[in-house]
C-alpha atoms as a PDB file:
ATOM      1  CA  MET A   1     -53.733 -10.264 -19.089  1.00  0.00           C
ATOM      2  CA  LYS A   2     -51.849  -7.127 -18.067  1.00  0.00           C
ATOM      3  CA  THR A   3     -50.237  -9.064 -15.235  1.00  0.00           C
ATOM      4  CA  THR A   4     -49.068 -11.732 -17.678  1.00  0.00           C
ATOM      5  CA  ASN A   5     -47.592  -9.112 -20.011  1.00  0.00           C
ATOM      6  CA  LYS A   6     -45.756  -7.454 -17.139  1.00  0.00           C
ATOM      7  CA  PHE A   7     -44.363 -10.838 -16.085  1.00  0.00           C
ATOM      8  CA  LEU A   8     -43.183 -11.576 -19.601  1.00  0.00           C
ATOM      9  CA  ILE A   9     -41.518  -8.180 -19.908  1.00  0.00           C
ATOM     10  CA  LYS A  10     -39.689  -8.661 -16.594  1.00  0.00           C
ATOM     11  CA  PHE A  11     -38.625 -12.168 -17.628  1.00  0.00           C
ATOM     12  CA  VAL A  12     -37.234 -10.937 -20.946  1.00  0.00           C
ATOM     13  CA  LEU A  13     -35.352  -8.100 -19.238  1.00  0.00           C
ATOM     14  CA  ILE A  14     -33.864 -10.413 -16.607  1.00  0.00           C
ATOM     15  CA  PHE A  15     -32.879 -13.000 -19.218  1.00  0.00           C
ATOM     16  CA  THR A  16     -31.253 -10.347 -21.429  1.00  0.00           C
ATOM     17  CA  LEU A  17     -29.294  -8.829 -18.542  1.00  0.00           C
ATOM     18  CA  SER A  18     -28.164 -12.276 -17.397  1.00  0.00           C
ATOM     19  CA  SER A  19     -26.987 -13.113 -20.898  1.00  0.00           C
ATOM     20  CA  LEU A  20     -25.023  -9.876 -21.098  1.00  0.00           C
ATOM     21  CA  VAL A  21     -23.381 -10.516 -17.731  1.00  0.00           C
ATOM     22  CA  MET A  22     -22.487 -14.097 -18.683  1.00  0.00           C
ATOM     23  CA  THR A  23     -21.076 -12.975 -22.030  1.00  0.00           C
ATOM     24  CA  SER A  24     -19.027 -10.274 -20.296  1.00  0.00           C
ATOM     25  CA  CYS A  25     -17.667 -12.763 -17.768  1.00  0.00           C
ATOM     26  CA  SER A  26     -16.866 -15.220 -20.543  1.00  0.00           C
ATOM     27  CA  ASP A  27     -14.967 -12.529 -22.468  1.00  0.00           C
ATOM     28  CA  ASP A  28     -13.096 -11.529 -19.302  1.00  0.00           C
ATOM     29  CA  ASP A  29     -12.183 -15.155 -18.624  1.00  0.00           C
ATOM     30  CA  THR A  30     -10.912 -15.605 -22.178  1.00  0.00           C
ATOM     31  CA  SER A  31      -8.899 -12.377 -22.016  1.00  0.00           C
ATOM     32  CA  SER A  32      -7.460 -13.349 -18.640  1.00  0.00           C
ATOM     33  CA  ALA A  33      -6.498 -16.791 -19.928  1.00  0.00           C
ATOM     34  CA  VAL A  34      -4.656 -15.262 -22.900  1.00  0.00           C
ATOM     35  CA  GLU A  35      -2.866 -12.718 -20.715  1.00  0.00           C
ATOM     36  CA  SER A  36      -1.738 -15.503 -18.379  1.00  0.00           C
ATOM     37  CA  SER A  37      -0.317 -17.876 -20.991  1.00  0.00           C
ATOM     38  CA  VAL A  38       2.334 -18.218 -23.656  1.00  0.00           C
ATOM     39  CA  SER A  39       1.120 -20.132 -26.701  1.00  0.00           C
ATOM     40  CA  ASP A  40       2.982 -23.052 -28.259  1.00  0.00           C
ATOM     41  CA  GLU A  41       3.353 -20.950 -31.397  1.00  0.00           C
ATOM     42  CA  GLU A  42       5.166 -18.249 -29.423  1.00  0.00           C
ATOM     43  CA  VAL A  43       7.478 -20.742 -27.690  1.00  0.00           C
ATOM     44  CA  GLN A  44       8.284 -22.332 -31.036  1.00  0.00           C
ATOM     45  CA  GLU A  45       9.067 -18.986 -32.659  1.00  0.00           C
ATOM     46  CA  ILE A  46      11.294 -17.867 -29.767  1.00  0.00           C
ATOM     47  CA  LEU A  47      13.271 -21.139 -29.737  1.00  0.00           C
ATOM     48  CA  LYS A  48      13.571 -21.185 -33.531  1.00  0.00           C
ATOM     49  CA  SER A  49      14.865 -17.608 -33.554  1.00  0.00           C
ATOM     50  CA  SER A  50      17.365 -18.344 -30.768  1.00  0.00           C
ATOM     51  CA  LEU A  51      18.803 -21.098 -32.962  1.00  0.00           C
ATOM     52  CA  VAL A  52      18.778 -19.896 -36.547  1.00  0.00           C
ATOM     53  CA  ASP A  53      18.419 -16.108 -36.652  1.00  0.00           C
ATOM     54  CA  GLU A  54      21.364 -13.722 -36.501  1.00  0.00           C
ATOM     55  CA  GLY A  55      23.012 -13.906 -33.075  1.00  0.00           C
ATOM     56  CA  GLY A  56      21.656 -17.438 -32.635  1.00  0.00           C
ATOM     57  CA  ILE A  57      23.351 -20.498 -31.181  1.00  0.00           C
ATOM     58  CA  ILE A  58      23.993 -22.164 -34.539  1.00  0.00           C
ATOM     59  CA  ALA A  59      25.845 -19.072 -35.747  1.00  0.00           C
ATOM     60  CA  ASP A  60      27.916 -19.115 -32.531  1.00  0.00           C
ATOM     61  CA  VAL A  61      28.874 -22.757 -33.081  1.00  0.00           C
ATOM     62  CA  GLN A  62      29.732 -22.351 -36.751  1.00  0.00           C
ATOM     63  CA  THR A  63      31.714 -19.163 -36.146  1.00  0.00           C
ATOM     64  CA  SER A  64      33.754 -20.747 -33.367  1.00  0.00           C
ATOM     65  CA  SER A  65      34.404 -23.811 -35.539  1.00  0.00           C
ATOM     66  CA  THR A  66      35.713 -21.558 -38.296  1.00  0.00           C
ATOM     67  CA  SER A  67      38.115 -19.980 -35.797  1.00  0.00           C
ATOM     68  CA  LEU A  68      39.257 -23.410 -34.617  1.00  0.00           C
ATOM     69  CA  ASN A  69      39.966 -24.422 -38.200  1.00  0.00           C
ATOM     70  CA  SER A  70      41.999 -21.229 -38.731  1.00  0.00           C
ATOM     71  CA  ASP A  71      39.829 -20.576 -41.781  1.00  0.00           C
ATOM     72  CA  THR A  72      39.800 -16.813 -41.284  1.00  0.00           C
ATOM     73  CA  ALA A  73      41.247 -15.654 -44.589  1.00  0.00           C
ATOM     74  CA  GLY A  74      39.246 -12.778 -46.022  1.00  0.00           C
ATOM     75  CA  LYS A  75      37.136 -12.416 -42.888  1.00  0.00           C
ATOM     76  CA  SER A  76      36.678  -9.033 -41.263  1.00  0.00           C
ATOM     77  CA  ALA A  77      36.624  -8.409 -37.516  1.00  0.00           C
ATOM     78  CA  THR A  78      32.868  -7.873 -37.661  1.00  0.00           C
ATOM     79  CA  GLU A  79      32.426 -11.531 -38.675  1.00  0.00           C
ATOM     80  CA  GLU A  80      33.500 -12.721 -35.231  1.00  0.00           C
ATOM     81  CA  THR A  81      36.435 -14.910 -36.263  1.00  0.00           C
ATOM     82  CA  MET A  82      39.969 -15.147 -34.952  1.00  0.00           C
ATOM     83  CA  ASP A  83      42.920 -17.357 -35.850  1.00  0.00           C
ATOM     84  CA  LEU A  84      43.532 -19.731 -32.927  1.00  0.00           C
ATOM     85  CA  SER A  85      46.169 -21.856 -34.664  1.00  0.00           C
ATOM     86  CA  THR A  86      49.065 -20.073 -32.913  1.00  0.00           C
ATOM     87  CA  LEU A  87      47.601 -20.295 -29.404  1.00  0.00           C
ATOM     88  CA  ASN A  88      50.091 -21.775 -26.907  1.00  0.00           C
ATOM     89  CA  CYS A  89      49.321 -24.277 -24.136  1.00  0.00           C
ATOM     90  CA  ASN A  90      47.152 -22.798 -21.366  1.00  0.00           C
ATOM     91  CA  GLN A  91      47.269 -19.403 -23.057  1.00  0.00           C
ATOM     92  CA  SER A  92      44.150 -17.248 -23.185  1.00  0.00           C
ATOM     93  CA  VAL A  93      43.154 -14.680 -25.790  1.00  0.00           C
ATOM     94  CA  SER A  94      40.167 -12.369 -26.008  1.00  0.00           C
ATOM     95  CA  GLU A  95      38.459 -10.303 -28.645  1.00  0.00           C
ATOM     96  CA  SER A  96      35.372  -8.133 -29.146  1.00  0.00           C
ATOM     97  CA  PHE A  97      33.182  -7.924 -32.228  1.00  0.00           C
ATOM     98  CA  GLN A  98      30.283  -5.795 -33.423  1.00  0.00           C
ATOM     99  CA  SER A  99      28.012  -6.077 -36.426  1.00  0.00           C
ATOM    100  CA  SER A 100      24.776  -4.523 -37.645  1.00  0.00           C
ATOM    101  CA  ASP A 101      22.857  -5.244 -40.805  1.00  0.00           C
ATOM    102  CA  THR A 102      19.511  -5.631 -42.520  1.00  0.00           C
ATOM    103  CA  ALA A 103      18.419  -8.535 -44.712  1.00  0.00           C
ATOM    104  CA  GLY A 104      14.919  -8.626 -46.142  1.00  0.00           C
ATOM    105  CA  ASN A 105      12.484  -8.083 -43.255  1.00  0.00           C
ATOM    106  CA  ARG A 106      15.087  -8.644 -40.510  1.00  0.00           C
ATOM    107  CA  THR A 107      17.285  -6.061 -38.810  1.00  0.00           C
ATOM    108  CA  TRP A 108      19.884  -6.777 -36.122  1.00  0.00           C
ATOM    109  CA  SER A 109      22.762  -5.395 -34.104  1.00  0.00           C
ATOM    110  CA  ILE A 110      25.172  -7.734 -32.295  1.00  0.00           C
ATOM    111  CA  GLN A 111      27.960  -7.058 -29.804  1.00  0.00           C
ATOM    112  CA  THR A 112      30.085  -9.970 -28.562  1.00  0.00           C
ATOM    113  CA  ASN A 113      33.042 -10.435 -26.207  1.00  0.00           C
ATOM    114  CA  TRP A 114      34.950 -13.716 -26.550  1.00  0.00           C
ATOM    115  CA  GLY A 115      37.660 -15.308 -24.430  1.00  0.00           C
ATOM    116  CA  TRP A 116      39.498 -18.485 -25.522  1.00  0.00           C
ATOM    117  CA  THR A 117      41.880 -20.796 -23.638  1.00  0.00           C
ATOM    118  CA  LEU A 118      43.806 -23.774 -25.012  1.00  0.00           C
ATOM    119  CA  ASN A 119      43.852 -26.384 -22.226  1.00  0.00           C
ATOM    120  CA  CYS A 120      46.839 -28.748 -22.065  1.00  0.00           C
ATOM    121  CA  ASP A 121      47.839 -31.673 -19.850  1.00  0.00           C
ATOM    122  CA  SER A 122      51.028 -31.934 -17.772  1.00  0.00           C
ATOM    123  CA  GLN A 123      52.962 -33.096 -20.862  1.00  0.00           C
ATOM    124  CA  ASN A 124      51.793 -30.027 -22.789  1.00  0.00           C
ATOM    125  CA  ASN A 125      49.485 -32.039 -24.998  1.00  0.00           C
ATOM    126  CA  ALA A 126      46.482 -30.028 -26.177  1.00  0.00           C
ATOM    127  CA  VAL A 127      43.314 -31.473 -24.634  1.00  0.00           C
ATOM    128  CA  SER A 128      40.488 -28.987 -25.192  1.00  0.00           C
ATOM    129  CA  TYR A 129      39.482 -25.419 -25.850  1.00  0.00           C
ATOM    130  CA  SER A 130      37.440 -23.387 -23.404  1.00  0.00           C
ATOM    131  CA  LEU A 131      35.351 -20.529 -24.722  1.00  0.00           C
ATOM    132  CA  GLU A 132      33.400 -17.977 -22.754  1.00  0.00           C
ATOM    133  CA  GLY A 133      31.357 -15.252 -24.357  1.00  0.00           C
ATOM    134  CA  SER A 134      28.845 -12.547 -23.592  1.00  0.00           C
ATOM    135  CA  GLY A 135      27.185  -9.718 -25.415  1.00  0.00           C
ATOM    136  CA  SER A 136      23.988  -8.070 -26.540  1.00  0.00           C
ATOM    137  CA  LEU A 137      21.564  -8.582 -29.393  1.00  0.00           C
ATOM    138  CA  GLU A 138      18.920  -6.267 -30.837  1.00  0.00           C
ATOM    139  CA  PHE A 139      16.757  -8.069 -33.377  1.00  0.00           C
ATOM    140  CA  GLU A 140      13.576  -7.182 -35.281  1.00  0.00           C
ATOM    141  CA  GLY A 141      11.784  -9.614 -37.546  1.00  0.00           C
ATOM    142  CA  PRO A 142       8.254 -10.190 -38.857  1.00  0.00           C
ATOM    143  CA  ASN A 143       7.309 -12.674 -36.113  1.00  0.00           C
ATOM    144  CA  LEU A 144       9.474 -11.522 -33.221  1.00  0.00           C
ATOM    145  CA  SER A 145      11.488  -8.627 -31.843  1.00  0.00           C
ATOM    146  CA  LYS A 146      13.959  -8.933 -28.975  1.00  0.00           C
ATOM    147  CA  SER A 147      16.452  -6.947 -26.956  1.00  0.00           C
ATOM    148  CA  ILE A 148      18.568  -9.438 -25.005  1.00  0.00           C
ATOM    149  CA  LEU A 149      21.859 -10.309 -23.361  1.00  0.00           C
ATOM    150  CA  ARG A 150      23.646 -13.488 -24.435  1.00  0.00           C
ATOM    151  CA  THR A 151      26.128 -15.608 -22.519  1.00  0.00           C
ATOM    152  CA  TYR A 152      27.689 -18.886 -23.534  1.00  0.00           C
ATOM    153  CA  GLN A 153      30.340 -21.348 -22.419  1.00  0.00           C
ATOM    154  CA  PHE A 154      31.873 -24.019 -24.664  1.00  0.00           C
ATOM    155  CA  LEU A 155      34.194 -26.875 -23.790  1.00  0.00           C
ATOM    156  CA  ILE A 156      35.460 -28.206 -27.116  1.00  0.00           C
ATOM    157  CA  THR A 157      37.291 -31.489 -27.654  1.00  0.00           C
ATOM    158  CA  GLY A 158      38.372 -33.382 -30.753  1.00  0.00           C
ATOM    159  CA  LEU A 159      41.757 -31.698 -31.074  1.00  0.00           C
ATOM    160  CA  GLU A 160      43.513 -34.858 -32.289  1.00  0.00           C
ATOM    161  CA  PRO A 161      44.880 -34.368 -35.847  1.00  0.00           C
ATOM    162  CA  THR A 162      43.118 -37.572 -36.923  1.00  0.00           C
ATOM    163  CA  SER A 163      39.731 -36.356 -35.712  1.00  0.00           C
ATOM    164  CA  THR A 164      37.349 -35.021 -38.354  1.00  0.00           C
ATOM    165  CA  GLU A 165      34.893 -33.591 -35.821  1.00  0.00           C
ATOM    166  CA  TRP A 166      34.740 -31.114 -32.960  1.00  0.00           C
ATOM    167  CA  VAL A 167      32.660 -32.099 -29.922  1.00  0.00           C
ATOM    168  CA  TYR A 168      30.994 -29.256 -28.022  1.00  0.00           C
ATOM    169  CA  ASN A 169      29.540 -29.357 -24.546  1.00  0.00           C
ATOM    170  CA  ALA A 170      27.982 -25.995 -23.895  1.00  0.00           C
ATOM    171  CA  ASN A 171      25.764 -23.818 -21.745  1.00  0.00           C
ATOM    172  CA  HIS A 172      23.941 -20.781 -23.098  1.00  0.00           C
ATOM    173  CA  THR A 173      21.569 -18.169 -21.736  1.00  0.00           C
ATOM    174  CA  ARG A 174      19.399 -15.671 -23.561  1.00  0.00           C
ATOM    175  CA  GLU A 175      17.740 -13.094 -21.299  1.00  0.00           C
ATOM    176  CA  GLY A 176      15.777  -9.942 -22.031  1.00  0.00           C
ATOM    177  CA  HIS A 177      12.634  -8.502 -23.549  1.00  0.00           C
ATOM    178  CA  PHE A 178      10.700 -10.232 -26.324  1.00  0.00           C
ATOM    179  CA  GLN A 179       7.744  -8.948 -28.338  1.00  0.00           C
ATOM    180  CA  SER A 180       5.832 -11.697 -30.090  1.00  0.00           C
ATOM    181  CA  ASN A 181       3.842 -10.993 -33.249  1.00  0.00           C
ATOM    182  CA  VAL A 182       2.335 -14.503 -33.376  1.00  0.00           C
ATOM    183  CA  GLY A 183       0.067 -16.520 -31.083  1.00  0.00           C
ATOM    184  CA  ASN A 184      -1.023 -14.444 -28.099  1.00  0.00           C
ATOM    185  CA  GLN A 185       1.277 -11.607 -29.239  1.00  0.00           C
ATOM    186  CA  ASN A 186       2.759 -11.294 -25.772  1.00  0.00           C
ATOM    187  CA  SER A 187       5.213  -8.676 -24.622  1.00  0.00           C
ATOM    188  CA  MET A 188       7.334 -10.477 -22.032  1.00  0.00           C
ATOM    189  CA  ASP A 189      10.656 -10.789 -20.248  1.00  0.00           C
ATOM    190  CA  ILE A 190      12.236 -14.177 -20.911  1.00  0.00           C
ATOM    191  CA  LEU A 191      15.131 -16.259 -19.608  1.00  0.00           C
ATOM    192  CA  LEU A 192      16.234 -19.149 -21.823  1.00  0.00           C
ATOM    193  CA  THR A 193      18.798 -21.603 -20.443  1.00  0.00           C
ATOM    194  CA  TYR A 194      20.387 -24.189 -22.737  1.00  0.00           C
ATOM    195  CA  GLY A 195      22.498 -27.188 -21.707  1.00  0.00           C
ATOM    196  CA  SER A 196      24.012 -29.389 -24.421  1.00  0.00           C
ATOM    197  CA  ASP A 197      25.139 -32.982 -24.645  1.00  0.00           C
ATOM    198  CA  ASP A 198      27.882 -33.732 -27.206  1.00  0.00           C
ATOM    199  CA  ILE A 199      27.150 -31.373 -30.070  1.00  0.00           C
ATOM    200  CA  VAL A 200      29.192 -32.876 -32.924  1.00  0.00           C
ATOM    201  CA  VAL A 201      30.456 -30.418 -35.565  1.00  0.00           C
ATOM    202  CA  SER A 202      32.182 -31.281 -38.831  1.00  0.00           C
ATOM    203  CA  LYS A 203      35.656 -29.734 -39.077  1.00  0.00           C
ATOM    204  CA  SER A 204      35.411 -29.518 -42.856  1.00  0.00           C
ATOM    205  CA  THR A 205      31.964 -27.900 -43.184  1.00  0.00           C
ATOM    206  CA  GLN A 206      31.473 -26.294 -39.730  1.00  0.00           C
ATOM    207  CA  GLN A 207      27.954 -27.816 -39.761  1.00  0.00           C
ATOM    208  CA  ILE A 208      26.322 -29.487 -36.745  1.00  0.00           C
ATOM    209  CA  LEU A 209      25.991 -33.224 -37.340  1.00  0.00           C
ATOM    210  CA  SER A 210      24.265 -34.400 -34.153  1.00  0.00           C
ATOM    211  CA  GLY A 211      23.683 -33.652 -30.480  1.00  0.00           C
ATOM    212  CA  THR A 212      21.023 -32.433 -28.057  1.00  0.00           C
ATOM    213  CA  PHE A 213      20.077 -29.277 -26.163  1.00  0.00           C
ATOM    214  CA  GLU A 214      17.769 -29.247 -23.150  1.00  0.00           C
ATOM    215  CA  VAL A 215      16.048 -25.878 -22.783  1.00  0.00           C
ATOM    216  CA  ASP A 216      14.369 -24.208 -19.787  1.00  0.00           C
ATOM    217  CA  PHE A 217      11.996 -21.389 -20.737  1.00  0.00           C
ATOM    218  CA  SER A 218      10.755 -18.848 -18.187  1.00  0.00           C
ATOM    219  CA  ALA A 219       8.558 -15.886 -19.216  1.00  0.00           C
ATOM    220  CA  THR A 220       7.297 -13.036 -17.029  1.00  0.00           C
ATOM    221  CA  LEU A 221       4.154 -11.435 -18.473  1.00  0.00           C
ATOM    222  CA  PRO A 222       3.072  -7.788 -17.948  1.00  0.00           C
ATOM    223  CA  ASN A 223       0.499  -8.822 -15.300  1.00  0.00           C
ATOM    224  CA  GLY A 224       3.274 -10.470 -13.264  1.00  0.00           C
ATOM    225  CA  ASN A 225       2.363 -14.056 -14.141  1.00  0.00           C
ATOM    226  CA  ILE A 226       5.327 -16.372 -14.697  1.00  0.00           C
ATOM    227  CA  VAL A 227       5.106 -19.123 -17.305  1.00  0.00           C
ATOM    228  CA  ASN A 228       7.657 -21.962 -17.236  1.00  0.00           C
ATOM    229  CA  ARG A 229       8.112 -24.281 -20.190  1.00  0.00           C
ATOM    230  CA  GLY A 230      10.720 -26.760 -21.360  1.00  0.00           C
ATOM    231  CA  ALA A 231      11.932 -28.228 -24.632  1.00  0.00           C
ATOM    232  CA  THR A 232      14.439 -30.627 -26.156  1.00  0.00           C
ATOM    233  CA  ILE A 233      16.329 -29.775 -29.341  1.00  0.00           C
ATOM    234  CA  VAL A 234      17.816 -32.679 -31.323  1.00  0.00           C
ATOM    235  CA  PHE A 235      20.147 -31.946 -34.236  1.00  0.00           C
ATOM    236  CA  ASN A 236      19.529 -34.300 -37.158  1.00  0.00           C
ATOM    237  CA  GLY A 237      22.333 -33.281 -39.506  1.00  0.00           C
ATOM    238  CA  SER A 238      21.673 -31.839 -42.972  1.00  0.00           C
ATOM    239  CA  GLN A 239      21.065 -28.424 -41.340  1.00  0.00           C
ATOM    240  CA  THR A 240      17.870 -29.513 -39.580  1.00  0.00           C
ATOM    241  CA  ALA A 241      16.804 -29.914 -35.960  1.00  0.00           C
ATOM    242  CA  THR A 242      13.683 -31.198 -34.199  1.00  0.00           C
ATOM    243  CA  ILE A 243      12.304 -29.183 -31.273  1.00  0.00           C
ATOM    244  CA  THR A 244       9.963 -31.037 -28.914  1.00  0.00           C
ATOM    245  CA  LEU A 245       8.049 -28.998 -26.316  1.00  0.00           C
ATOM    246  CA  ASP A 246       7.280 -30.245 -22.811  1.00  0.00           C
ATOM    247  CA  ASN A 247       3.683 -31.014 -23.832  1.00  0.00           C
ATOM    248  CA  GLY A 248       4.828 -33.351 -26.608  1.00  0.00           C
ATOM    249  CA  GLU A 249       4.309 -30.951 -29.528  1.00  0.00           C
ATOM    250  CA  SER A 250       7.224 -31.056 -31.970  1.00  0.00           C
ATOM    251  CA  PHE A 251       8.339 -29.264 -35.110  1.00  0.00           C
ATOM    252  CA  GLU A 252      11.398 -29.048 -37.344  1.00  0.00           C
ATOM    253  CA  VAL A 253      13.593 -26.074 -38.151  1.00  0.00           C
ATOM    254  CA  ASN A 254      16.187 -25.731 -40.891  1.00  0.00           C
ATOM    255  CA  TRP A 255      18.828 -23.199 -41.826  1.00  0.00           C
END
């Protein structure tokens, strides 16, 4: 009887220790998996912010369209507009802008350098505008904080007086440190690369009517792991866009 009791006690001890070890390993595996990944929710929030928050791509497009339309009356230098109506053929101009503000639960500081060129053909007919820009962005919001550098290049056509739309073909990068407050709540260094295909912008409203961005997303996590993702952004008009991730998940954003 004593032998049986001793056996039972040993069995219970071994089983308990094994369970603890397995639970510990399971927790470690779960923690490791989280530390090695970027959730869909985080990717969505980062892409949404890069489009619609202050310093985002949509603001860049609308601001440049305002400058092209010479609709700068009453605008201050901090609103990143310039009157391009007097630009001569193959002439370049440049300007720098800065702005900082707080709205609700968002705070930001933006610095931008712009350079414009009016491209003309051999008969001095205006053909397109080229725009190159770079600058920094500090942004804090409830779901995301970021400290990044921005670069962008636009080639803009639709200069004909009869045209009611600008057509943008553009490349953008957003690179720097992001702190996510959603999903896995990662702290990570990210490079976003955007390439567009015929972004159509209304001359009268400065709103994006249609077009597509392909996005490459590369994140370096604190443990050194690199996560690569991709997405497609389709502008639907009516101030909405659909973002589809590389795994097929999609969602809409509006502004």
